[in-house]
Amino acid sequence: MDFRQFLKSRREELGLSQQELADRLSQEGQETSYGRVSHWETGRNKPPLEDIRFRRTLAAILQIDVNEMMKQLGYEVSDADRSPDARKAADIIELLPEEARSLALDYLDMLKRRYVQTG
């Protein structure tokens, strides 16, 4: 499925207008307009899927797991090279609201500085 089909279908399933989606993205720090959402759905422009914050925000608004969203869009998503603990930590962080994600990542950075020796 391409992005424009996915976005329109999922947006309509949730009863969101293009304007409502744009407003929610903007409220979450992803400056977007009705016109931009419309262009994504017509294929005129592509959304910034390379931006992880955009992907997370869009997935949260569309009430879908970010990895599941990317799989549906035809991207290969693999965390097979991560340990079960790393996957668990990532899953937990993905479920947190944005302000809590920052705290969780700050805490993990603090633990890394304390326990991991770097070159």
C-alpha atoms as a PDB file:
ATOM      1  CA  MET A   1       0.000   0.000   0.000  1.00  0.00           C
ATOM      2  CA  ASP A   2       1.362   3.424  -0.786  1.00  0.00           C
ATOM      3  CA  PHE A   3       1.356   6.269   1.705  1.00  0.00           C
ATOM      4  CA  ARG A   4      -1.462   8.242   0.129  1.00  0.00           C
ATOM      5  CA  GLN A   5      -3.842   5.263   0.227  1.00  0.00           C
ATOM      6  CA  PHE A   6      -2.796   4.367   3.763  1.00  0.00           C
ATOM      7  CA  LEU A   7      -3.155   7.897   5.087  1.00  0.00           C
ATOM      8  CA  LYS A   8      -6.551   8.577   3.567  1.00  0.00           C
ATOM      9  CA  SER A   9      -7.937   5.209   4.606  1.00  0.00           C
ATOM     10  CA  ARG A  10      -6.659   5.389   8.188  1.00  0.00           C
ATOM     11  CA  ARG A  11      -7.664   9.044   8.591  1.00  0.00           C
ATOM     12  CA  GLU A  12     -11.195   8.278   7.417  1.00  0.00           C
ATOM     13  CA  GLU A  13     -11.402   5.190   9.691  1.00  0.00           C
ATOM     14  CA  LEU A  14     -10.701   7.484  12.624  1.00  0.00           C
ATOM     15  CA  GLY A  15     -13.187  10.096  11.428  1.00  0.00           C
ATOM     16  CA  LEU A  16     -10.533  12.788  11.010  1.00  0.00           C
ATOM     17  CA  SER A  17     -10.708  15.450   8.332  1.00  0.00           C
ATOM     18  CA  GLN A  18      -7.552  16.554   6.553  1.00  0.00           C
ATOM     19  CA  GLN A  19      -7.721  19.801   8.542  1.00  0.00           C
ATOM     20  CA  GLU A  20      -8.051  17.937  11.852  1.00  0.00           C
ATOM     21  CA  LEU A  21      -5.048  15.770  11.007  1.00  0.00           C
ATOM     22  CA  ALA A  22      -3.021  18.833  10.057  1.00  0.00           C
ATOM     23  CA  ASP A  23      -4.043  20.595  13.271  1.00  0.00           C
ATOM     24  CA  ARG A  24      -3.091  17.621  15.439  1.00  0.00           C
ATOM     25  CA  LEU A  25       0.272  17.237  13.716  1.00  0.00           C
ATOM     26  CA  SER A  26       0.936  20.951  14.222  1.00  0.00           C
ATOM     27  CA  GLN A  27      -0.084  20.763  17.887  1.00  0.00           C
ATOM     28  CA  GLU A  28       2.536  18.043  18.315  1.00  0.00           C
ATOM     29  CA  GLY A  29       5.279  20.173  16.785  1.00  0.00           C
ATOM     30  CA  GLN A  30       5.034  18.953  13.184  1.00  0.00           C
ATOM     31  CA  GLU A  31       4.068  22.161  11.385  1.00  0.00           C
ATOM     32  CA  THR A  32       1.584  20.992   8.783  1.00  0.00           C
ATOM     33  CA  SER A  33      -1.286  22.509   6.841  1.00  0.00           C
ATOM     34  CA  TYR A  34      -4.487  21.200   5.316  1.00  0.00           C
ATOM     35  CA  GLY A  35      -2.912  21.715   1.889  1.00  0.00           C
ATOM     36  CA  ARG A  36       0.117  19.629   2.791  1.00  0.00           C
ATOM     37  CA  VAL A  37      -2.061  16.732   4.011  1.00  0.00           C
ATOM     38  CA  SER A  38      -4.109  17.012   0.824  1.00  0.00           C
ATOM     39  CA  HIS A  39      -0.943  16.876  -1.285  1.00  0.00           C
ATOM     40  CA  TRP A  40       0.233  13.773   0.605  1.00  0.00           C
ATOM     41  CA  GLU A  41      -3.065  12.052  -0.139  1.00  0.00           C
ATOM     42  CA  THR A  42      -3.005  12.938  -3.827  1.00  0.00           C
ATOM     43  CA  GLY A  43       0.643  11.982  -4.200  1.00  0.00           C
ATOM     44  CA  ARG A  44       1.660  15.490  -5.204  1.00  0.00           C
ATOM     45  CA  ASN A  45       4.187  15.626  -2.343  1.00  0.00           C
ATOM     46  CA  LYS A  46       5.668  13.076   0.005  1.00  0.00           C
ATOM     47  CA  PRO A  47       5.611  13.371   3.792  1.00  0.00           C
ATOM     48  CA  PRO A  48       8.859  13.481   5.777  1.00  0.00           C
ATOM     49  CA  LEU A  49       8.853   9.782   6.688  1.00  0.00           C
ATOM     50  CA  GLU A  50      12.640   9.894   7.083  1.00  0.00           C
ATOM     51  CA  ASP A  51      12.077  12.042  10.201  1.00  0.00           C
ATOM     52  CA  ILE A  52      11.609   9.695  13.150  1.00  0.00           C
ATOM     53  CA  ARG A  53       9.746  12.337  15.163  1.00  0.00           C
ATOM     54  CA  PHE A  54       7.304  12.821  12.312  1.00  0.00           C
ATOM     55  CA  ARG A  55       6.760   9.049  12.014  1.00  0.00           C
ATOM     56  CA  ARG A  56       6.152   8.713  15.753  1.00  0.00           C
ATOM     57  CA  THR A  57       3.778  11.655  15.860  1.00  0.00           C
ATOM     58  CA  LEU A  58       1.814  10.521  12.825  1.00  0.00           C
ATOM     59  CA  ALA A  59       1.564   6.949  14.127  1.00  0.00           C
ATOM     60  CA  ALA A  60       0.331   8.159  17.518  1.00  0.00           C
ATOM     61  CA  ILE A  61      -2.342  10.344  15.910  1.00  0.00           C
ATOM     62  CA  LEU A  62      -3.384   7.507  13.606  1.00  0.00           C
ATOM     63  CA  GLN A  63      -3.449   5.151  16.609  1.00  0.00           C
ATOM     64  CA  ILE A  64      -1.095   2.603  15.102  1.00  0.00           C
ATOM     65  CA  ASP A  65       2.302   1.272  16.123  1.00  0.00           C
ATOM     66  CA  VAL A  66       5.008   3.128  14.213  1.00  0.00           C
ATOM     67  CA  ASN A  67       6.662  -0.111  13.058  1.00  0.00           C
ATOM     68  CA  GLU A  68       3.317  -1.529  11.930  1.00  0.00           C
ATOM     69  CA  MET A  69       2.626   1.674  10.020  1.00  0.00           C
ATOM     70  CA  MET A  70       5.987   1.463   8.246  1.00  0.00           C
ATOM     71  CA  LYS A  71       5.448  -2.232   7.430  1.00  0.00           C
ATOM     72  CA  GLN A  72       2.061  -1.410   5.891  1.00  0.00           C
ATOM     73  CA  LEU A  73       3.792   1.210   3.771  1.00  0.00           C
ATOM     74  CA  GLY A  74       6.173  -1.402   2.403  1.00  0.00           C
ATOM     75  CA  TYR A  75       9.234  -0.584   4.473  1.00  0.00           C
ATOM     76  CA  GLU A  76      11.284  -3.371   5.965  1.00  0.00           C
ATOM     77  CA  VAL A  77      11.352  -2.995   9.719  1.00  0.00           C
ATOM     78  CA  SER A  78      13.797  -5.132  11.638  1.00  0.00           C
ATOM     79  CA  ASP A  79      15.080  -5.059  15.149  1.00  0.00           C
ATOM     80  CA  ALA A  80      16.459  -8.588  14.980  1.00  0.00           C
ATOM     81  CA  ASP A  81      19.932  -7.294  15.777  1.00  0.00           C
ATOM     82  CA  ARG A  82      18.679  -5.933  19.117  1.00  0.00           C
ATOM     83  CA  SER A  83      18.561  -7.913  22.347  1.00  0.00           C
ATOM     84  CA  PRO A  84      15.184  -8.733  23.893  1.00  0.00           C
ATOM     85  CA  ASP A  85      15.904  -6.113  26.583  1.00  0.00           C
ATOM     86  CA  ALA A  86      16.637  -3.449  23.955  1.00  0.00           C
ATOM     87  CA  ARG A  87      13.417  -4.290  22.098  1.00  0.00           C
ATOM     88  CA  LYS A  88      11.487  -4.135  25.378  1.00  0.00           C
ATOM     89  CA  ALA A  89      12.972  -0.719  26.208  1.00  0.00           C
ATOM     90  CA  ALA A  90      12.116   0.573  22.725  1.00  0.00           C
ATOM     91  CA  ASP A  91       8.560  -0.765  22.987  1.00  0.00           C
ATOM     92  CA  ILE A  92       8.081   0.961  26.346  1.00  0.00           C
ATOM     93  CA  ILE A  93       9.477   4.254  25.082  1.00  0.00           C
ATOM     94  CA  GLU A  94       7.221   4.136  21.990  1.00  0.00           C
ATOM     95  CA  LEU A  95       4.159   3.918  24.264  1.00  0.00           C
ATOM     96  CA  LEU A  96       5.094   6.974  26.313  1.00  0.00           C
ATOM     97  CA  PRO A  97       3.824  10.469  25.576  1.00  0.00           C
ATOM     98  CA  GLU A  98       6.431  12.762  24.004  1.00  0.00           C
ATOM     99  CA  GLU A  99       7.353  14.566  27.236  1.00  0.00           C
ATOM    100  CA  ALA A 100       7.907  11.234  29.038  1.00  0.00           C
ATOM    101  CA  ARG A 101      10.013   9.897  26.133  1.00  0.00           C
ATOM    102  CA  SER A 102      12.483  12.709  26.655  1.00  0.00           C
ATOM    103  CA  LEU A 103      12.750  11.879  30.347  1.00  0.00           C
ATOM    104  CA  ALA A 104      13.196   8.175  29.626  1.00  0.00           C
ATOM    105  CA  LEU A 105      15.905   8.854  27.045  1.00  0.00           C
ATOM    106  CA  ASP A 106      17.656  11.296  29.406  1.00  0.00           C
ATOM    107  CA  TYR A 107      17.642   8.615  32.097  1.00  0.00           C
ATOM    108  CA  LEU A 108      19.034   6.017  29.696  1.00  0.00           C
ATOM    109  CA  ASP A 109      21.766   8.466  28.644  1.00  0.00           C
ATOM    110  CA  MET A 110      22.658   9.011  32.303  1.00  0.00           C
ATOM    111  CA  LEU A 111      22.904   5.243  32.845  1.00  0.00           C
ATOM    112  CA  LYS A 112      25.045   4.895  29.744  1.00  0.00           C
ATOM    113  CA  ARG A 113      27.464   7.587  30.934  1.00  0.00           C
ATOM    114  CA  ARG A 114      27.678   5.918  34.329  1.00  0.00           C
ATOM    115  CA  TYR A 115      28.089   2.293  33.253  1.00  0.00           C
ATOM    116  CA  VAL A 116      29.406   2.189  29.697  1.00  0.00           C
ATOM    117  CA  GLN A 117      33.053   2.875  29.042  1.00  0.00           C
ATOM    118  CA  THR A 118      33.672   4.744  25.807  1.00  0.00           C
ATOM    119  CA  GLY A 119      36.925   4.912  23.858  1.00  0.00           C
END
